[in-house]
Amino acid sequence: PPPMDETHPFYQPPPAPTTESLEDCLSRTSDFYEENIKPRLLAGQKVLVVAHANSIRALVKEVDDISDEDIRDLRIPNSIPLLYRLHPETLEPVAESDEWGFQGEYLTSWERVNTTVRAVERSQRRVLQALFR
C-alpha cells in the first residue's frame, strides 16, 4: 500500500507504533463491518472475508459479542475457513456458542484445528528462541 500521510484517518506522526493493538484493530474492522459487510449481508448476499488473524479476531469479537477478557485467549488458526451462519434480519449468529461465546464453525475437523494451532505455537516458540539466544 502507499505510505500514509497526514490526511489518512489512521495516520500517526512518528514515532508511530510498530504494532496494532486489538482495540485499534477492532475500531478499524468494526467500521469496515458496519459500512461494507453488514449492508451486503442484510441484502441477502454471502460475504467472503479474507484477513489476518488479528483482524479476524476483532470481527469475531464484534459478531459474537465476546468480552474483552475472553477475546484475549481466543486463538484463530490461519488457513482454516471459518463460517458464520447469521440470522438474515438481526445478523446474530444462529449457532450454539462455546464456553467463551464463540459461534463460528471451522470448516475442518477439530483435530486439524488443534494440529494447526500447535504447529503455529511451535513455530512462534522457535522464532522467539532464536531472537533471544
Protein backbone atom coordinates (compact mmCIF):
# COMPACT_ATOMS: atom_id res chain seq x y z
CA PRO A 1 0.00 0.00 0.00
CA PRO A 2 1.11 3.59 -0.43
CA PRO A 3 2.61 5.35 2.58
CA MET A 4 0.22 7.16 4.89
CA ASP A 5 0.32 10.92 5.19
CA GLU A 6 -1.41 13.40 7.49
CA THR A 7 -4.67 13.20 5.50
CA HIS A 8 -5.18 9.47 6.20
CA PRO A 9 -7.64 8.81 9.09
CA PHE A 10 -5.27 6.32 10.77
CA TYR A 11 -2.11 8.40 10.36
CA GLN A 12 0.02 8.78 13.45
CA PRO A 13 3.08 11.02 13.43
CA PRO A 14 6.47 9.39 14.02
CA PRO A 15 7.33 7.50 16.02
CA ALA A 16 4.25 5.50 15.03
CA PRO A 17 3.58 2.24 16.88
CA THR A 18 5.19 -0.82 15.31
CA THR A 19 2.16 -3.00 16.11
CA GLU A 20 -1.59 -2.59 16.18
CA SER A 21 -3.49 -3.34 19.37
CA LEU A 22 -6.67 -5.40 19.23
CA GLU A 23 -8.53 -2.25 20.33
CA ASP A 24 -7.18 -0.29 17.33
CA CYS A 25 -7.86 -3.23 15.04
CA LEU A 26 -11.41 -3.54 16.40
CA SER A 27 -12.07 0.13 15.70
CA ARG A 28 -10.88 -0.25 12.12
CA THR A 29 -12.62 -3.55 11.40
CA SER A 30 -15.83 -2.51 13.15
CA ASP A 31 -16.15 0.45 10.81
CA PHE A 32 -15.48 -1.80 7.81
CA TYR A 33 -18.03 -4.34 9.05
CA GLU A 34 -20.73 -1.68 9.54
CA GLU A 35 -20.08 0.12 6.24
CA ASN A 36 -19.25 -2.75 3.87
CA ILE A 37 -20.09 -6.21 5.19
CA LYS A 38 -23.32 -5.65 7.14
CA PRO A 39 -25.24 -3.95 4.29
CA ARG A 40 -24.40 -6.82 1.95
CA LEU A 41 -25.48 -9.42 4.49
CA LEU A 42 -28.76 -7.59 5.11
CA ALA A 43 -29.28 -7.55 1.32
CA GLY A 44 -29.06 -11.37 1.38
CA GLN A 45 -25.59 -11.60 -0.14
CA LYS A 46 -22.94 -14.03 1.01
CA VAL A 47 -19.67 -12.38 2.02
CA LEU A 48 -16.18 -13.85 2.00
CA VAL A 49 -13.71 -12.15 4.33
CA VAL A 50 -10.01 -12.87 3.93
CA ALA A 51 -7.86 -11.23 6.57
CA HIS A 52 -5.03 -11.63 9.05
CA ALA A 53 -5.66 -13.32 12.39
CA ASN A 54 -5.95 -10.15 14.49
CA SER A 55 -8.48 -8.64 12.07
CA ILE A 56 -10.48 -11.86 12.14
CA ARG A 57 -10.33 -11.90 15.96
CA ALA A 58 -11.69 -8.35 16.01
CA LEU A 59 -14.55 -9.31 13.68
CA VAL A 60 -15.30 -12.41 15.76
CA LYS A 61 -15.39 -10.22 18.89
CA GLU A 62 -17.85 -7.91 17.13
CA VAL A 63 -20.13 -10.60 15.71
CA ASP A 64 -20.12 -12.88 18.76
CA ASP A 65 -20.06 -10.01 21.28
CA ILE A 66 -17.20 -11.69 23.15
CA SER A 67 -15.90 -9.91 26.24
CA ASP A 68 -12.53 -8.15 26.31
CA GLU A 69 -11.30 -10.75 28.79
CA ASP A 70 -12.36 -13.79 26.74
CA ILE A 71 -11.14 -12.47 23.39
CA ARG A 72 -7.56 -12.27 24.72
CA ASP A 73 -7.46 -16.06 24.97
CA LEU A 74 -9.19 -16.80 21.67
CA ARG A 75 -6.77 -18.10 19.04
CA ILE A 76 -7.93 -18.24 15.45
CA PRO A 77 -5.75 -20.52 13.35
CA ASN A 78 -4.51 -19.39 9.95
CA SER A 79 -5.62 -21.02 6.72
CA ILE A 80 -8.72 -22.77 8.08
CA PRO A 81 -12.02 -21.40 6.75
CA LEU A 82 -14.35 -20.10 9.44
CA LEU A 83 -18.08 -19.98 8.69
CA TYR A 84 -20.70 -17.87 10.43
CA ARG A 85 -24.39 -18.61 9.98
CA LEU A 86 -26.29 -15.43 10.80
CA HIS A 87 -29.97 -14.67 11.23
CA PRO A 88 -30.97 -12.87 8.00
CA GLU A 89 -32.61 -9.92 9.77
CA THR A 90 -30.68 -9.46 13.01
CA LEU A 91 -27.30 -10.80 11.82
CA GLU A 92 -26.97 -12.56 15.17
CA PRO A 93 -25.12 -15.88 14.97
CA VAL A 94 -27.54 -18.81 14.98
CA ALA A 95 -25.07 -21.48 16.08
CA GLU A 96 -24.68 -22.52 19.70
CA SER A 97 -21.83 -20.77 21.42
CA ASP A 98 -18.98 -22.44 23.22
CA GLU A 99 -17.92 -21.56 26.76
CA TRP A 100 -16.29 -18.29 25.59
CA GLY A 101 -19.17 -17.18 23.36
CA PHE A 102 -17.54 -18.26 20.08
CA GLN A 103 -20.18 -19.23 17.50
CA GLY A 104 -18.14 -19.69 14.32
CA GLU A 105 -17.79 -23.06 12.61
CA TYR A 106 -14.41 -24.20 11.33
CA LEU A 107 -14.77 -25.98 8.01
CA THR A 108 -12.48 -28.79 9.09
CA SER A 109 -12.13 -31.22 11.97
CA TRP A 110 -11.16 -30.14 15.50
CA GLU A 111 -8.17 -32.44 15.18
CA ARG A 112 -6.97 -30.40 12.19
CA VAL A 113 -7.59 -27.11 14.04
CA ASN A 114 -5.62 -28.30 17.08
CA THR A 115 -2.80 -29.62 14.90
CA THR A 116 -2.57 -26.28 13.11
CA VAL A 117 -2.63 -24.28 16.35
CA ARG A 118 0.13 -26.45 17.86
CA ALA A 119 2.24 -26.09 14.71
CA VAL A 120 1.92 -22.30 14.80
CA GLU A 121 2.79 -22.21 18.50
CA ARG A 122 5.90 -24.36 17.89
CA SER A 123 6.94 -22.10 15.04
CA GLN A 124 6.47 -18.97 17.16
CA ARG A 125 8.42 -20.55 20.02
CA ARG A 126 11.35 -21.30 17.65
CA VAL A 127 11.36 -17.72 16.38
CA LEU A 128 11.37 -16.33 19.93
CA GLN A 129 14.13 -18.73 20.99
CA ALA A 130 16.23 -17.65 18.03
CA LEU A 131 15.68 -13.97 18.81
CA PHE A 132 16.55 -14.21 22.49
CA ARG A 133 19.56 -16.55 22.45
